[in-house]
């Protein structure tokens, strides 16, 4: 079996927003369990999450929420030609809180 590594390139904003989403579905809810029925998918999800956690200093900054919202707005503007795309009503994300304690997340299952 070929175990050649694959590189995925993301902008810093893409990585930051993806990291937040992964954190939400992996550690703040049971969403990932419902989305990922095959446990084999967890391996790459944890690898991606761990890599993002090691790379992004933003996730530990006290102004996490404003930085995340700014990154989301830039991505929306890039995708849709302007800001103002609403988030899903009732959506809960870390943007309303300070930086979470994620120092122990090494990308391995807990």
PDB file of N, CA and C in Angstrom:
ATOM      1  N   UNK A   1       0.829  -1.181   0.000  1.00  0.00           N
ATOM      2  CA  UNK A   1       0.000   0.000   0.000  1.00  0.00           C
ATOM      3  C   UNK A   1       0.871   1.241   0.000  1.00  0.00           C
ATOM      4  N   UNK A   2       0.533   2.194  -0.827  1.00  0.00           N
ATOM      5  CA  UNK A   2       1.290   3.431  -0.955  1.00  0.00           C
ATOM      6  C   UNK A   2       0.956   4.372   0.198  1.00  0.00           C
ATOM      7  N   UNK A   3       1.951   4.755   0.970  1.00  0.00           N
ATOM      8  CA  UNK A   3       1.766   5.658   2.107  1.00  0.00           C
ATOM      9  C   UNK A   3       2.384   7.025   1.838  1.00  0.00           C
ATOM     10  N   UNK A   4       2.422   7.430   0.580  1.00  0.00           N
ATOM     11  CA  UNK A   4       2.965   8.725   0.220  1.00  0.00           C
ATOM     12  C   UNK A   4       2.116   9.831   0.842  1.00  0.00           C
ATOM     13  N   UNK A   5       2.772  10.785   1.477  1.00  0.00           N
ATOM     14  CA  UNK A   5       2.066  11.900   2.111  1.00  0.00           C
ATOM     15  C   UNK A   5       1.478  12.829   1.052  1.00  0.00           C
ATOM     16  N   UNK A   6       0.375  13.442   1.388  1.00  0.00           N
ATOM     17  CA  UNK A   6      -0.289  14.408   0.518  1.00  0.00           C
ATOM     18  C   UNK A   6      -0.290  15.747   1.229  1.00  0.00           C
ATOM     19  N   UNK A   7       0.048  16.781   0.511  1.00  0.00           N
ATOM     20  CA  UNK A   7       0.069  18.123   1.062  1.00  0.00           C
ATOM     21  C   UNK A   7      -1.172  18.877   0.612  1.00  0.00           C
ATOM     22  N   UNK A   8      -1.836  19.509   1.567  1.00  0.00           N
ATOM     23  CA  UNK A   8      -2.989  20.355   1.282  1.00  0.00           C
ATOM     24  C   UNK A   8      -2.592  21.773   1.655  1.00  0.00           C
ATOM     25  N   UNK A   9      -2.795  22.703   0.743  1.00  0.00           N
ATOM     26  CA  UNK A   9      -2.444  24.091   1.016  1.00  0.00           C
ATOM     27  C   UNK A   9      -3.706  24.900   1.260  1.00  0.00           C
ATOM     28  N   UNK A  10      -3.687  25.630   2.366  1.00  0.00           N
ATOM     29  CA  UNK A  10      -4.778  26.524   2.739  1.00  0.00           C
ATOM     30  C   UNK A  10      -4.205  27.892   3.034  1.00  0.00           C
ATOM     31  N   UNK A  11      -5.018  28.912   2.834  1.00  0.00           N
ATOM     32  CA  UNK A  11      -4.604  30.222   3.310  1.00  0.00           C
ATOM     33  C   UNK A  11      -4.687  30.208   4.831  1.00  0.00           C
ATOM     34  N   UNK A  12      -4.082  31.169   5.467  1.00  0.00           N
ATOM     35  CA  UNK A  12      -4.150  31.242   6.931  1.00  0.00           C
ATOM     36  C   UNK A  12      -5.596  31.409   7.389  1.00  0.00           C
ATOM     37  N   UNK A  13      -6.375  32.228   6.679  1.00  0.00           N
ATOM     38  CA  UNK A  13      -7.783  32.407   7.022  1.00  0.00           C
ATOM     39  C   UNK A  13      -8.545  31.091   6.874  1.00  0.00           C
ATOM     40  N   UNK A  14      -8.316  30.367   5.795  1.00  0.00           N
ATOM     41  CA  UNK A  14      -8.993  29.083   5.600  1.00  0.00           C
ATOM     42  C   UNK A  14      -8.638  28.111   6.723  1.00  0.00           C
ATOM     43  N   UNK A  15      -7.368  28.066   7.073  1.00  0.00           N
ATOM     44  CA  UNK A  15      -6.924  27.163   8.131  1.00  0.00           C
ATOM     45  C   UNK A  15      -7.549  27.537   9.475  1.00  0.00           C
ATOM     46  N   UNK A  16      -7.613  28.818   9.760  1.00  0.00           N
ATOM     47  CA  UNK A  16      -8.167  29.302  11.022  1.00  0.00           C
ATOM     48  C   UNK A  16      -9.652  28.956  11.128  1.00  0.00           C
ATOM     49  N   UNK A  17     -10.409  29.221  10.070  1.00  0.00           N
ATOM     50  CA  UNK A  17     -11.842  28.943  10.076  1.00  0.00           C
ATOM     51  C   UNK A  17     -12.091  27.431  10.126  1.00  0.00           C
ATOM     52  N   UNK A  18     -11.316  26.659   9.383  1.00  0.00           N
ATOM     53  CA  UNK A  18     -11.458  25.202   9.422  1.00  0.00           C
ATOM     54  C   UNK A  18     -11.122  24.669  10.809  1.00  0.00           C
ATOM     55  N   UNK A  19     -10.085  25.187  11.419  1.00  0.00           N
ATOM     56  CA  UNK A  19      -9.699  24.767  12.760  1.00  0.00           C
ATOM     57  C   UNK A  19     -10.835  25.008  13.748  1.00  0.00           C
ATOM     58  N   UNK A  20     -11.461  26.162  13.650  1.00  0.00           N
ATOM     59  CA  UNK A  20     -12.572  26.475  14.539  1.00  0.00           C
ATOM     60  C   UNK A  20     -13.731  25.499  14.328  1.00  0.00           C
ATOM     61  N   UNK A  21     -14.061  25.238  13.074  1.00  0.00           N
ATOM     62  CA  UNK A  21     -15.160  24.316  12.765  1.00  0.00           C
ATOM     63  C   UNK A  21     -14.847  22.906  13.281  1.00  0.00           C
ATOM     64  N   UNK A  22     -13.638  22.445  13.033  1.00  0.00           N
ATOM     65  CA  UNK A  22     -13.255  21.123  13.519  1.00  0.00           C
ATOM     66  C   UNK A  22     -13.342  21.050  15.035  1.00  0.00           C
ATOM     67  N   UNK A  23     -12.878  22.089  15.698  1.00  0.00           N
ATOM     68  CA  UNK A  23     -12.950  22.119  17.155  1.00  0.00           C
ATOM     69  C   UNK A  23     -14.402  22.013  17.615  1.00  0.00           C
ATOM     70  N   UNK A  24     -15.285  22.752  16.956  1.00  0.00           N
ATOM     71  CA  UNK A  24     -16.700  22.722  17.313  1.00  0.00           C
ATOM     72  C   UNK A  24     -17.287  21.321  17.174  1.00  0.00           C
ATOM     73  N   UNK A  25     -17.083  20.695  16.033  1.00  0.00           N
ATOM     74  CA  UNK A  25     -17.714  19.388  15.818  1.00  0.00           C
ATOM     75  C   UNK A  25     -17.017  18.261  16.562  1.00  0.00           C
ATOM     76  N   UNK A  26     -15.745  18.418  16.867  1.00  0.00           N
ATOM     77  CA  UNK A  26     -15.007  17.349  17.529  1.00  0.00           C
ATOM     78  C   UNK A  26     -15.105  17.411  19.049  1.00  0.00           C
ATOM     79  N   UNK A  27     -15.094  18.616  19.597  1.00  0.00           N
ATOM     80  CA  UNK A  27     -14.951  18.728  21.048  1.00  0.00           C
ATOM     81  C   UNK A  27     -16.086  19.463  21.745  1.00  0.00           C
ATOM     82  N   UNK A  28     -16.907  20.170  21.011  1.00  0.00           N
ATOM     83  CA  UNK A  28     -17.972  20.933  21.644  1.00  0.00           C
ATOM     84  C   UNK A  28     -19.363  20.360  21.359  1.00  0.00           C
ATOM     85  N   UNK A  29     -19.441  19.327  20.558  1.00  0.00           N
ATOM     86  CA  UNK A  29     -20.733  18.732  20.227  1.00  0.00           C
ATOM     87  C   UNK A  29     -20.530  17.279  19.833  1.00  0.00           C
ATOM     88  N   UNK A  30     -21.612  16.647  19.511  1.00  0.00           N
ATOM     89  CA  UNK A  30     -21.557  15.275  19.022  1.00  0.00           C
ATOM     90  C   UNK A  30     -21.734  15.234  17.512  1.00  0.00           C
ATOM     91  N   UNK A  31     -21.567  16.359  16.828  1.00  0.00           N
ATOM     92  CA  UNK A  31     -21.815  16.442  15.392  1.00  0.00           C
ATOM     93  C   UNK A  31     -20.942  15.492  14.580  1.00  0.00           C
ATOM     94  N   UNK A  32     -19.660  15.409  14.908  1.00  0.00           N
ATOM     95  CA  UNK A  32     -18.759  14.584  14.106  1.00  0.00           C
ATOM     96  C   UNK A  32     -19.165  13.116  14.163  1.00  0.00           C
ATOM     97  N   UNK A  33     -19.612  12.674  15.305  1.00  0.00           N
ATOM     98  CA  UNK A  33     -20.062  11.284  15.445  1.00  0.00           C
ATOM     99  C   UNK A  33     -21.205  11.002  14.466  1.00  0.00           C
ATOM    100  N   UNK A  34     -22.108  11.968  14.304  1.00  0.00           N
ATOM    101  CA  UNK A  34     -23.230  11.800  13.380  1.00  0.00           C
ATOM    102  C   UNK A  34     -22.835  11.930  11.926  1.00  0.00           C
ATOM    103  N   UNK A  35     -21.819  12.733  11.662  1.00  0.00           N
ATOM    104  CA  UNK A  35     -21.361  12.961  10.292  1.00  0.00           C
ATOM    105  C   UNK A  35     -20.466  11.821   9.825  1.00  0.00           C
ATOM    106  N   UNK A  36     -19.583  11.376  10.689  1.00  0.00           N
ATOM    107  CA  UNK A  36     -18.591  10.362  10.341  1.00  0.00           C
ATOM    108  C   UNK A  36     -19.003   9.006  10.885  1.00  0.00           C
ATOM    109  N   UNK A  37     -19.651   8.216  10.055  1.00  0.00           N
ATOM    110  CA  UNK A  37     -20.119   6.905  10.481  1.00  0.00           C
ATOM    111  C   UNK A  37     -19.004   5.869  10.418  1.00  0.00           C
ATOM    112  N   UNK A  38     -17.994   6.105   9.622  1.00  0.00           N
ATOM    113  CA  UNK A  38     -16.885   5.162   9.478  1.00  0.00           C
ATOM    114  C   UNK A  38     -15.713   5.669  10.310  1.00  0.00           C
ATOM    115  N   UNK A  39     -15.329   4.920  11.311  1.00  0.00           N
ATOM    116  CA  UNK A  39     -14.249   5.352  12.212  1.00  0.00           C
ATOM    117  C   UNK A  39     -12.913   5.553  11.505  1.00  0.00           C
ATOM    118  N   UNK A  40     -12.743   4.978  10.330  1.00  0.00           N
ATOM    119  CA  UNK A  40     -11.495   5.170   9.591  1.00  0.00           C
ATOM    120  C   UNK A  40     -11.311   6.640   9.201  1.00  0.00           C
ATOM    121  N   UNK A  41     -12.393   7.370   9.062  1.00  0.00           N
ATOM    122  CA  UNK A  41     -12.323   8.786   8.681  1.00  0.00           C
ATOM    123  C   UNK A  41     -11.756   9.631   9.825  1.00  0.00           C
ATOM    124  N   UNK A  42     -11.874   9.146  11.047  1.00  0.00           N
ATOM    125  CA  UNK A  42     -11.370   9.901  12.183  1.00  0.00           C
ATOM    126  C   UNK A  42      -9.856  10.107  12.112  1.00  0.00           C
ATOM    127  N   UNK A  43      -9.125   9.154  11.583  1.00  0.00           N
ATOM    128  CA  UNK A  43      -7.673   9.272  11.502  1.00  0.00           C
ATOM    129  C   UNK A  43      -7.241  10.530  10.735  1.00  0.00           C
ATOM    130  N   UNK A  44      -7.712  10.734   9.504  1.00  0.00           N
ATOM    131  CA  UNK A  44      -7.298  11.961   8.823  1.00  0.00           C
ATOM    132  C   UNK A  44      -7.866  13.223   9.459  1.00  0.00           C
ATOM    133  N   UNK A  45      -9.056  13.144  10.044  1.00  0.00           N
ATOM    134  CA  UNK A  45      -9.638  14.325  10.706  1.00  0.00           C
ATOM    135  C   UNK A  45      -8.756  14.751  11.875  1.00  0.00           C
ATOM    136  N   UNK A  46      -8.335  13.796  12.687  1.00  0.00           N
ATOM    137  CA  UNK A  46      -7.448  14.125  13.807  1.00  0.00           C
ATOM    138  C   UNK A  46      -6.092  14.628  13.320  1.00  0.00           C
ATOM    139  N   UNK A  47      -5.586  14.073  12.240  1.00  0.00           N
ATOM    140  CA  UNK A  47      -4.304  14.536  11.696  1.00  0.00           C
ATOM    141  C   UNK A  47      -4.406  15.985  11.229  1.00  0.00           C
ATOM    142  N   UNK A  48      -5.481  16.308  10.534  1.00  0.00           N
ATOM    143  CA  UNK A  48      -5.682  17.689  10.059  1.00  0.00           C
ATOM    144  C   UNK A  48      -5.843  18.627  11.247  1.00  0.00           C
ATOM    145  N   UNK A  49      -6.680  18.256  12.188  1.00  0.00           N
ATOM    146  CA  UNK A  49      -6.917  19.100  13.359  1.00  0.00           C
ATOM    147  C   UNK A  49      -5.629  19.339  14.147  1.00  0.00           C
ATOM    148  N   UNK A  50      -4.864  18.276  14.366  1.00  0.00           N
ATOM    149  CA  UNK A  50      -3.611  18.414  15.108  1.00  0.00           C
ATOM    150  C   UNK A  50      -2.603  19.294  14.393  1.00  0.00           C
ATOM    151  N   UNK A  51      -2.525  19.152  13.075  1.00  0.00           N
ATOM    152  CA  UNK A  51      -1.611  19.986  12.290  1.00  0.00           C
ATOM    153  C   UNK A  51      -2.015  21.453  12.377  1.00  0.00           C
ATOM    154  N   UNK A  52      -3.309  21.721  12.279  1.00  0.00           N
ATOM    155  CA  UNK A  52      -3.781  23.100  12.386  1.00  0.00           C
ATOM    156  C   UNK A  52      -3.489  23.663  13.769  1.00  0.00           C
ATOM    157  N   UNK A  53      -3.722  22.871  14.800  1.00  0.00           N
ATOM    158  CA  UNK A  53      -3.464  23.332  16.168  1.00  0.00           C
ATOM    159  C   UNK A  53      -1.993  23.679  16.385  1.00  0.00           C
ATOM    160  N   UNK A  54      -1.107  22.909  15.783  1.00  0.00           N
ATOM    161  CA  UNK A  54       0.321  23.165  15.940  1.00  0.00           C
ATOM    162  C   UNK A  54       0.779  24.378  15.129  1.00  0.00           C
ATOM    163  N   UNK A  55       0.058  24.709  14.073  1.00  0.00           N
ATOM    164  CA  UNK A  55       0.470  25.752  13.143  1.00  0.00           C
ATOM    165  C   UNK A  55      -0.097  27.125  13.482  1.00  0.00           C
ATOM    166  N   UNK A  56      -1.308  27.165  13.998  1.00  0.00           N
ATOM    167  CA  UNK A  56      -2.028  28.432  14.175  1.00  0.00           C
ATOM    168  C   UNK A  56      -1.850  29.016  15.571  1.00  0.00           C
ATOM    169  N   UNK A  57      -1.094  30.071  15.675  1.00  0.00           N
ATOM    170  CA  UNK A  57      -0.954  30.749  16.963  1.00  0.00           C
ATOM    171  C   UNK A  57      -2.231  31.507  17.323  1.00  0.00           C
ATOM    172  N   UNK A  58      -3.062  31.825  16.322  1.00  0.00           N
ATOM    173  CA  UNK A  58      -4.285  32.592  16.545  1.00  0.00           C
ATOM    174  C   UNK A  58      -5.244  31.918  17.524  1.00  0.00           C
ATOM    175  N   UNK A  59      -5.213  30.593  17.567  1.00  0.00           N
ATOM    176  CA  UNK A  59      -6.179  29.893  18.415  1.00  0.00           C
ATOM    177  C   UNK A  59      -5.906  30.092  19.902  1.00  0.00           C
ATOM    178  N   UNK A  60      -4.738  30.630  20.241  1.00  0.00           N
ATOM    179  CA  UNK A  60      -4.395  30.868  21.635  1.00  0.00           C
ATOM    180  C   UNK A  60      -4.385  32.347  22.001  1.00  0.00           C
ATOM    181  N   UNK A  61      -4.755  33.206  21.079  1.00  0.00           N
ATOM    182  CA  UNK A  61      -4.706  34.647  21.322  1.00  0.00           C
ATOM    183  C   UNK A  61      -5.969  35.129  22.035  1.00  0.00           C
ATOM    184  N   UNK A  62      -5.810  36.142  22.887  1.00  0.00           N
ATOM    185  CA  UNK A  62      -6.968  36.631  23.652  1.00  0.00           C
ATOM    186  C   UNK A  62      -8.056  37.266  22.774  1.00  0.00           C
ATOM    187  N   UNK A  63      -7.698  37.732  21.594  1.00  0.00           N
ATOM    188  CA  UNK A  63      -8.696  38.328  20.702  1.00  0.00           C
ATOM    189  C   UNK A  63      -9.148  37.326  19.639  1.00  0.00           C
ATOM    190  N   UNK A  64      -9.255  36.061  20.051  1.00  0.00           N
ATOM    191  CA  UNK A  64      -9.641  34.963  19.171  1.00  0.00           C
ATOM    192  C   UNK A  64     -10.920  35.285  18.397  1.00  0.00           C
ATOM    193  N   UNK A  65     -11.972  35.681  19.096  1.00  0.00           N
ATOM    194  CA  UNK A  65     -13.272  35.921  18.463  1.00  0.00           C
ATOM    195  C   UNK A  65     -13.214  36.945  17.347  1.00  0.00           C
ATOM    196  N   UNK A  66     -12.702  38.134  17.605  1.00  0.00           N
ATOM    197  CA  UNK A  66     -12.613  39.130  16.533  1.00  0.00           C
ATOM    198  C   UNK A  66     -11.733  38.683  15.363  1.00  0.00           C
ATOM    199  N   UNK A  67     -10.642  37.987  15.658  1.00  0.00           N
ATOM    200  CA  UNK A  67      -9.779  37.482  14.582  1.00  0.00           C
ATOM    201  C   UNK A  67     -10.523  36.460  13.723  1.00  0.00           C
ATOM    202  N   UNK A  68     -11.267  35.567  14.374  1.00  0.00           N
ATOM    203  CA  UNK A  68     -12.028  34.551  13.647  1.00  0.00           C
ATOM    204  C   UNK A  68     -13.093  35.209  12.776  1.00  0.00           C
ATOM    205  N   UNK A  69     -13.821  36.153  13.321  1.00  0.00           N
ATOM    206  CA  UNK A  69     -14.865  36.831  12.540  1.00  0.00           C
ATOM    207  C   UNK A  69     -14.269  37.578  11.347  1.00  0.00           C
ATOM    208  N   UNK A  70     -13.119  38.210  11.542  1.00  0.00           N
ATOM    209  CA  UNK A  70     -12.457  38.918  10.436  1.00  0.00           C
ATOM    210  C   UNK A  70     -12.036  37.927   9.349  1.00  0.00           C
ATOM    211  N   UNK A  71     -11.506  36.766   9.758  1.00  0.00           N
ATOM    212  CA  UNK A  71     -11.105  35.743   8.786  1.00  0.00           C
ATOM    213  C   UNK A  71     -12.323  35.241   8.022  1.00  0.00           C
ATOM    214  N   UNK A  72     -13.430  35.004   8.724  1.00  0.00           N
ATOM    215  CA  UNK A  72     -14.661  34.552   8.074  1.00  0.00           C
ATOM    216  C   UNK A  72     -15.162  35.585   7.067  1.00  0.00           C
ATOM    217  N   UNK A  73     -15.135  36.838   7.448  1.00  0.00           N
ATOM    218  CA  UNK A  73     -15.596  37.900   6.547  1.00  0.00           C
ATOM    219  C   UNK A  73     -14.725  37.977   5.290  1.00  0.00           C
ATOM    220  N   UNK A  74     -13.418  37.850   5.461  1.00  0.00           N
ATOM    221  CA  UNK A  74     -12.534  37.876   4.294  1.00  0.00           C
ATOM    222  C   UNK A  74     -12.816  36.695   3.370  1.00  0.00           C
ATOM    223  N   UNK A  75     -13.038  35.523   3.953  1.00  0.00           N
ATOM    224  CA  UNK A  75     -13.342  34.343   3.129  1.00  0.00           C
ATOM    225  C   UNK A  75     -14.682  34.492   2.419  1.00  0.00           C
ATOM    226  N   UNK A  76     -15.681  35.023   3.116  1.00  0.00           N
ATOM    227  CA  UNK A  76     -16.980  35.258   2.481  1.00  0.00           C
ATOM    228  C   UNK A  76     -16.833  36.241   1.327  1.00  0.00           C
ATOM    229  N   UNK A  77     -16.070  37.302   1.548  1.00  0.00           N
ATOM    230  CA  UNK A  77     -15.863  38.305   0.498  1.00  0.00           C
ATOM    231  C   UNK A  77     -15.161  37.689  -0.703  1.00  0.00           C
ATOM    232  N   UNK A  78     -14.172  36.835  -0.450  1.00  0.00           N
ATOM    233  CA  UNK A  78     -13.466  36.163  -1.538  1.00  0.00           C
ATOM    234  C   UNK A  78     -14.384  35.223  -2.307  1.00  0.00           C
ATOM    235  N   UNK A  79     -15.243  34.508  -1.583  1.00  0.00           N
ATOM    236  CA  UNK A  79     -16.124  33.519  -2.215  1.00  0.00           C
ATOM    237  C   UNK A  79     -17.339  34.152  -2.886  1.00  0.00           C
ATOM    238  N   UNK A  80     -17.911  35.149  -2.234  1.00  0.00           N
ATOM    239  CA  UNK A  80     -19.204  35.657  -2.676  1.00  0.00           C
ATOM    240  C   UNK A  80     -19.162  37.100  -3.168  1.00  0.00           C
ATOM    241  N   UNK A  81     -17.985  37.685  -3.211  1.00  0.00           N
ATOM    242  CA  UNK A  81     -17.860  39.037  -3.725  1.00  0.00           C
ATOM    243  C   UNK A  81     -18.235  40.126  -2.747  1.00  0.00           C
ATOM    244  N   UNK A  82     -18.447  39.798  -1.511  1.00  0.00           N
ATOM    245  CA  UNK A  82     -18.759  40.816  -0.515  1.00  0.00           C
ATOM    246  C   UNK A  82     -19.040  40.193   0.824  1.00  0.00           C
ATOM    247  N   UNK A  83     -18.939  40.999   1.840  1.00  0.00           N
ATOM    248  CA  UNK A  83     -19.223  40.540   3.192  1.00  0.00           C
ATOM    249  C   UNK A  83     -20.731  40.505   3.389  1.00  0.00           C
ATOM    250  N   UNK A  84     -21.140  40.073   4.529  1.00  0.00           N
ATOM    251  CA  UNK A  84     -22.541  40.114   4.856  1.00  0.00           C
ATOM    252  C   UNK A  84     -23.275  38.801   4.714  1.00  0.00           C
ATOM    253  N   UNK A  85     -22.581  37.730   4.302  1.00  0.00           N
ATOM    254  CA  UNK A  85     -23.234  36.434   4.267  1.00  0.00           C
ATOM    255  C   UNK A  85     -23.507  36.036   5.715  1.00  0.00           C
ATOM    256  N   UNK A  86     -24.752  35.836   6.064  1.00  0.00           N
ATOM    257  CA  UNK A  86     -25.055  35.521   7.458  1.00  0.00           C
ATOM    258  C   UNK A  86     -24.595  34.118   7.830  1.00  0.00           C
ATOM    259  N   UNK A  87     -24.280  33.953   9.104  1.00  0.00           N
ATOM    260  CA  UNK A  87     -24.009  32.614   9.600  1.00  0.00           C
ATOM    261  C   UNK A  87     -25.352  31.958   9.877  1.00  0.00           C
ATOM    262  N   UNK A  88     -25.353  30.682  10.017  1.00  0.00           N
ATOM    263  CA  UNK A  88     -26.582  29.952  10.260  1.00  0.00           C
ATOM    264  C   UNK A  88     -27.193  30.403  11.582  1.00  0.00           C
ATOM    265  N   UNK A  89     -28.495  30.700  11.627  1.00  0.00           N
ATOM    266  CA  UNK A  89     -29.124  31.087  12.896  1.00  0.00           C
ATOM    267  C   UNK A  89     -28.919  30.002  13.944  1.00  0.00           C
ATOM    268  N   UNK A  90     -28.609  30.440  15.137  1.00  0.00           N
ATOM    269  CA  UNK A  90     -28.409  29.496  16.219  1.00  0.00           C
ATOM    270  C   UNK A  90     -27.053  28.834  16.208  1.00  0.00           C
ATOM    271  N   UNK A  91     -26.213  29.203  15.250  1.00  0.00           N
ATOM    272  CA  UNK A  91     -24.877  28.603  15.161  1.00  0.00           C
ATOM    273  C   UNK A  91     -24.056  29.056  16.358  1.00  0.00           C
ATOM    274  N   UNK A  92     -23.415  28.110  16.993  1.00  0.00           N
ATOM    275  CA  UNK A  92     -22.560  28.429  18.131  1.00  0.00           C
ATOM    276  C   UNK A  92     -21.126  28.202  17.721  1.00  0.00           C
ATOM    277  N   UNK A  93     -20.318  29.236  17.861  1.00  0.00           N
ATOM    278  CA  UNK A  93     -18.907  29.057  17.585  1.00  0.00           C
ATOM    279  C   UNK A  93     -18.102  29.747  18.669  1.00  0.00           C
ATOM    280  N   UNK A  94     -16.810  29.583  18.612  1.00  0.00           N
ATOM    281  CA  UNK A  94     -15.949  30.130  19.653  1.00  0.00           C
ATOM    282  C   UNK A  94     -15.758  31.614  19.502  1.00  0.00           C
ATOM    283  N   UNK A  95     -16.356  32.233  18.496  1.00  0.00           N
ATOM    284  CA  UNK A  95     -16.130  33.651  18.259  1.00  0.00           C
ATOM    285  C   UNK A  95     -16.687  34.513  19.372  1.00  0.00           C
ATOM    286  N   UNK A  96     -17.575  33.988  20.184  1.00  0.00           N
ATOM    287  CA  UNK A  96     -18.158  34.771  21.258  1.00  0.00           C
ATOM    288  C   UNK A  96     -17.450  34.534  22.580  1.00  0.00           C
ATOM    289  N   UNK A  97     -16.404  33.734  22.551  1.00  0.00           N
ATOM    290  CA  UNK A  97     -15.674  33.437  23.770  1.00  0.00           C
ATOM    291  C   UNK A  97     -14.204  33.764  23.583  1.00  0.00           C
ATOM    292  N   UNK A  98     -13.484  33.697  24.677  1.00  0.00           N
ATOM    293  CA  UNK A  98     -12.044  33.899  24.566  1.00  0.00           C
ATOM    294  C   UNK A  98     -11.412  32.623  24.027  1.00  0.00           C
ATOM    295  N   UNK A  99     -10.125  32.665  23.819  1.00  0.00           N
ATOM    296  CA  UNK A  99      -9.421  31.514  23.254  1.00  0.00           C
ATOM    297  C   UNK A  99      -9.609  30.294  24.133  1.00  0.00           C
ATOM    298  N   UNK A 100      -9.980  29.162  23.544  1.00  0.00           N
ATOM    299  CA  UNK A 100     -10.174  27.942  24.325  1.00  0.00           C
ATOM    300  C   UNK A 100      -8.842  27.328  24.710  1.00  0.00           C
ATOM    301  N   UNK A 101      -8.875  26.493  25.713  1.00  0.00           N
ATOM    302  CA  UNK A 101      -7.678  25.774  26.120  1.00  0.00           C
ATOM    303  C   UNK A 101      -7.548  24.541  25.247  1.00  0.00           C
ATOM    304  N   UNK A 102      -6.703  24.635  24.243  1.00  0.00           N
ATOM    305  CA  UNK A 102      -6.523  23.523  23.321  1.00  0.00           C
ATOM    306  C   UNK A 102      -5.094  23.027  23.352  1.00  0.00           C
ATOM    307  N   UNK A 103      -4.352  23.421  24.336  1.00  0.00           N
ATOM    308  CA  UNK A 103      -2.931  23.081  24.375  1.00  0.00           C
ATOM    309  C   UNK A 103      -2.685  21.578  24.401  1.00  0.00           C
ATOM    310  N   UNK A 104      -3.606  20.816  24.942  1.00  0.00           N
ATOM    311  CA  UNK A 104      -3.403  19.376  25.033  1.00  0.00           C
ATOM    312  C   UNK A 104      -3.767  18.615  23.793  1.00  0.00           C
ATOM    313  N   UNK A 105      -4.311  19.254  22.766  1.00  0.00           N
ATOM    314  CA  UNK A 105      -4.722  18.542  21.556  1.00  0.00           C
ATOM    315  C   UNK A 105      -3.521  18.301  20.665  1.00  0.00           C
ATOM    316  N   UNK A 106      -3.080  17.080  20.634  1.00  0.00           N
ATOM    317  CA  UNK A 106      -1.908  16.730  19.832  1.00  0.00           C
ATOM    318  C   UNK A 106      -2.280  16.117  18.495  1.00  0.00           C
ATOM    319  N   UNK A 107      -3.582  16.086  18.204  1.00  0.00           N
ATOM    320  CA  UNK A 107      -4.001  15.462  16.965  1.00  0.00           C
ATOM    321  C   UNK A 107      -4.317  13.992  17.127  1.00  0.00           C
ATOM    322  N   UNK A 108      -4.200  13.487  18.334  1.00  0.00           N
ATOM    323  CA  UNK A 108      -4.496  12.089  18.617  1.00  0.00           C
ATOM    324  C   UNK A 108      -5.853  11.988  19.282  1.00  0.00           C
ATOM    325  N   UNK A 109      -6.554  10.890  19.065  1.00  0.00           N
ATOM    326  CA  UNK A 109      -7.855  10.693  19.729  1.00  0.00           C
ATOM    327  C   UNK A 109      -7.722  10.731  21.229  1.00  0.00           C
ATOM    328  N   UNK A 110      -8.724  11.246  21.887  1.00  0.00           N
ATOM    329  CA  UNK A 110      -8.709  11.289  23.356  1.00  0.00           C
ATOM    330  C   UNK A 110      -9.502  10.146  23.920  1.00  0.00           C
TER     331      UNK A 110
END
